[in-house]
C-alpha atoms as a PDB file:
ATOM      1  CA  UNK A   1     -11.679   4.351 -11.061  1.00  0.00           C
ATOM      2  CA  UNK A   2      -8.223   2.828 -11.102  1.00  0.00           C
ATOM      3  CA  UNK A   3      -6.818   0.419  -8.513  1.00  0.00           C
ATOM      4  CA  UNK A   4      -3.143   0.027  -7.649  1.00  0.00           C
ATOM      5  CA  UNK A   5      -1.112  -2.333  -5.482  1.00  0.00           C
ATOM      6  CA  UNK A   6       1.931  -0.744  -3.878  1.00  0.00           C
ATOM      7  CA  UNK A   7       4.848  -2.633  -2.337  1.00  0.00           C
ATOM      8  CA  UNK A   8       7.171  -0.639  -0.068  1.00  0.00           C
ATOM      9  CA  UNK A   9      10.486  -1.771   1.433  1.00  0.00           C
ATOM     10  CA  UNK A  10      12.396   0.276   3.978  1.00  0.00           C
ATOM     11  CA  UNK A  11      16.133  -0.432   3.821  1.00  0.00           C
ATOM     12  CA  UNK A  12      17.150  -1.353   7.363  1.00  0.00           C
ATOM     13  CA  UNK A  13      13.658  -0.536   8.606  1.00  0.00           C
ATOM     14  CA  UNK A  14      12.381  -1.758  11.963  1.00  0.00           C
ATOM     15  CA  UNK A  15       8.768  -2.524  12.840  1.00  0.00           C
ATOM     16  CA  UNK A  16       8.311   0.989  14.255  1.00  0.00           C
ATOM     17  CA  UNK A  17       9.450   2.460  10.919  1.00  0.00           C
ATOM     18  CA  UNK A  18       6.816   0.446   9.088  1.00  0.00           C
ATOM     19  CA  UNK A  19       4.171   1.618  11.556  1.00  0.00           C
ATOM     20  CA  UNK A  20       5.184   5.211  10.810  1.00  0.00           C
ATOM     21  CA  UNK A  21       5.036   4.434   7.076  1.00  0.00           C
ATOM     22  CA  UNK A  22       1.560   2.926   7.420  1.00  0.00           C
ATOM     23  CA  UNK A  23       0.265   6.056   9.181  1.00  0.00           C
ATOM     24  CA  UNK A  24       1.763   8.276   6.473  1.00  0.00           C
ATOM     25  CA  UNK A  25       0.395   6.087   3.671  1.00  0.00           C
ATOM     26  CA  UNK A  26      -3.064   6.103   5.250  1.00  0.00           C
ATOM     27  CA  UNK A  27      -3.005   9.941   5.308  1.00  0.00           C
ATOM     28  CA  UNK A  28      -2.332   9.818   1.517  1.00  0.00           C
ATOM     29  CA  UNK A  29      -5.353   7.582   0.859  1.00  0.00           C
ATOM     30  CA  UNK A  30      -3.734   4.114   0.872  1.00  0.00           C
ATOM     31  CA  UNK A  31      -5.207   1.135   2.714  1.00  0.00           C
ATOM     32  CA  UNK A  32      -3.875  -2.183   4.007  1.00  0.00           C
ATOM     33  CA  UNK A  33      -7.117  -4.049   3.339  1.00  0.00           C
ATOM     34  CA  UNK A  34      -8.682  -5.677   0.303  1.00  0.00           C
ATOM     35  CA  UNK A  35     -12.321  -6.675  -0.121  1.00  0.00           C
ATOM     36  CA  UNK A  36     -13.267 -10.007  -1.633  1.00  0.00           C
ATOM     37  CA  UNK A  37     -16.225 -10.596  -3.980  1.00  0.00           C
ATOM     38  CA  UNK A  38     -18.243 -11.865  -0.989  1.00  0.00           C
ATOM     39  CA  UNK A  39     -17.717  -8.568   0.809  1.00  0.00           C
ATOM     40  CA  UNK A  40     -15.281 -10.087   3.309  1.00  0.00           C
ATOM     41  CA  UNK A  41     -12.337  -7.774   4.042  1.00  0.00           C
ATOM     42  CA  UNK A  42      -8.804  -9.145   4.320  1.00  0.00           C
ATOM     43  CA  UNK A  43      -5.522  -7.712   5.543  1.00  0.00           C
ATOM     44  CA  UNK A  44      -2.700  -7.330   3.019  1.00  0.00           C
ATOM     45  CA  UNK A  45       0.776  -8.711   3.703  1.00  0.00           C
ATOM     46  CA  UNK A  46       3.202  -6.404   5.509  1.00  0.00           C
ATOM     47  CA  UNK A  47       4.459  -3.428   3.459  1.00  0.00           C
ATOM     48  CA  UNK A  48       1.721  -3.753   0.807  1.00  0.00           C
ATOM     49  CA  UNK A  49      -0.961  -1.173   0.188  1.00  0.00           C
ATOM     50  CA  UNK A  50      -3.874  -0.536  -2.113  1.00  0.00           C
ATOM     51  CA  UNK A  51      -4.860   2.785  -3.648  1.00  0.00           C
ATOM     52  CA  UNK A  52      -8.240   3.131  -5.361  1.00  0.00           C
ATOM     53  CA  UNK A  53      -9.142   6.380  -7.034  1.00  0.00           C
ATOM     54  CA  UNK A  54      -8.978   8.554 -10.123  1.00  0.00           C
ATOM     55  CA  UNK A  55      -5.191   9.002  -9.940  1.00  0.00           C
ATOM     56  CA  UNK A  56      -2.692   7.873 -12.572  1.00  0.00           C
ATOM     57  CA  UNK A  57       0.125   5.453 -11.776  1.00  0.00           C
ATOM     58  CA  UNK A  58       2.569   8.384 -11.709  1.00  0.00           C
ATOM     59  CA  UNK A  59       0.347  10.291  -9.284  1.00  0.00           C
ATOM     60  CA  UNK A  60       0.086   7.239  -7.014  1.00  0.00           C
ATOM     61  CA  UNK A  61       3.884   6.907  -7.173  1.00  0.00           C
ATOM     62  CA  UNK A  62       4.315  10.551  -6.106  1.00  0.00           C
ATOM     63  CA  UNK A  63       1.873  10.106  -3.200  1.00  0.00           C
ATOM     64  CA  UNK A  64       3.723   6.986  -2.016  1.00  0.00           C
ATOM     65  CA  UNK A  65       7.100   8.678  -2.443  1.00  0.00           C
ATOM     66  CA  UNK A  66       6.068  11.685  -0.334  1.00  0.00           C
ATOM     67  CA  UNK A  67       4.767   9.338   2.379  1.00  0.00           C
ATOM     68  CA  UNK A  68       7.887   7.143   2.514  1.00  0.00           C
ATOM     69  CA  UNK A  69      10.357  10.013   2.381  1.00  0.00           C
ATOM     70  CA  UNK A  70       8.914  11.221   5.693  1.00  0.00           C
ATOM     71  CA  UNK A  71      10.145   8.038   7.355  1.00  0.00           C
ATOM     72  CA  UNK A  72      13.762   9.057   6.737  1.00  0.00           C
ATOM     73  CA  UNK A  73      15.167   5.751   5.446  1.00  0.00           C
ATOM     74  CA  UNK A  74      16.236   4.520   2.036  1.00  0.00           C
ATOM     75  CA  UNK A  75      13.372   2.700   0.327  1.00  0.00           C
ATOM     76  CA  UNK A  76      12.076   0.776  -2.648  1.00  0.00           C
ATOM     77  CA  UNK A  77       8.650   1.254  -4.238  1.00  0.00           C
ATOM     78  CA  UNK A  78       6.916  -1.097  -6.669  1.00  0.00           C
ATOM     79  CA  UNK A  79       3.493  -0.154  -8.082  1.00  0.00           C
ATOM     80  CA  UNK A  80       1.164  -2.227 -10.219  1.00  0.00           C
ATOM     81  CA  UNK A  81      -2.104  -1.070 -11.713  1.00  0.00           C
ATOM     82  CA  UNK A  82      -4.670  -3.787 -11.108  1.00  0.00           C
ATOM     83  CA  UNK A  83      -7.583  -5.032 -13.194  1.00  0.00           C
ATOM     84  CA  UNK A  84      -8.394  -7.590 -10.497  1.00  0.00           C
ATOM     85  CA  UNK A  85      -6.821  -9.536  -7.647  1.00  0.00           C
ATOM     86  CA  UNK A  86      -6.712 -13.160  -6.557  1.00  0.00           C
ATOM     87  CA  UNK A  87      -5.335 -14.367  -3.251  1.00  0.00           C
ATOM     88  CA  UNK A  88      -5.347 -17.039  -0.583  1.00  0.00           C
ATOM     89  CA  UNK A  89      -4.114 -17.226   2.981  1.00  0.00           C
ATOM     90  CA  UNK A  90      -4.795 -13.592   3.870  1.00  0.00           C
ATOM     91  CA  UNK A  91      -6.094 -12.966   7.365  1.00  0.00           C
ATOM     92  CA  UNK A  92      -9.634 -11.651   7.753  1.00  0.00           C
ATOM     93  CA  UNK A  93      -9.727  -8.020   8.902  1.00  0.00           C
END
């Protein structure tokens, strides 16, 4: 199973636009939470998502693109395939 981190930016987007994006991303299988090795779940920074599954990077890109295009604003997408994650300062979910 592959894991991807996706960063989305809405050009001129307001908070409501990001809420709409989150709902659309969630419908495509993305989450805004990451689980630590202890089992504790943390919230990702705004406009970041995780996708875990058997999809390729290109397939994840297409899923994200379909989701963001429904918001109706110009956007940027940045996707990284992850072999592991390290963080600090994230809020507990």
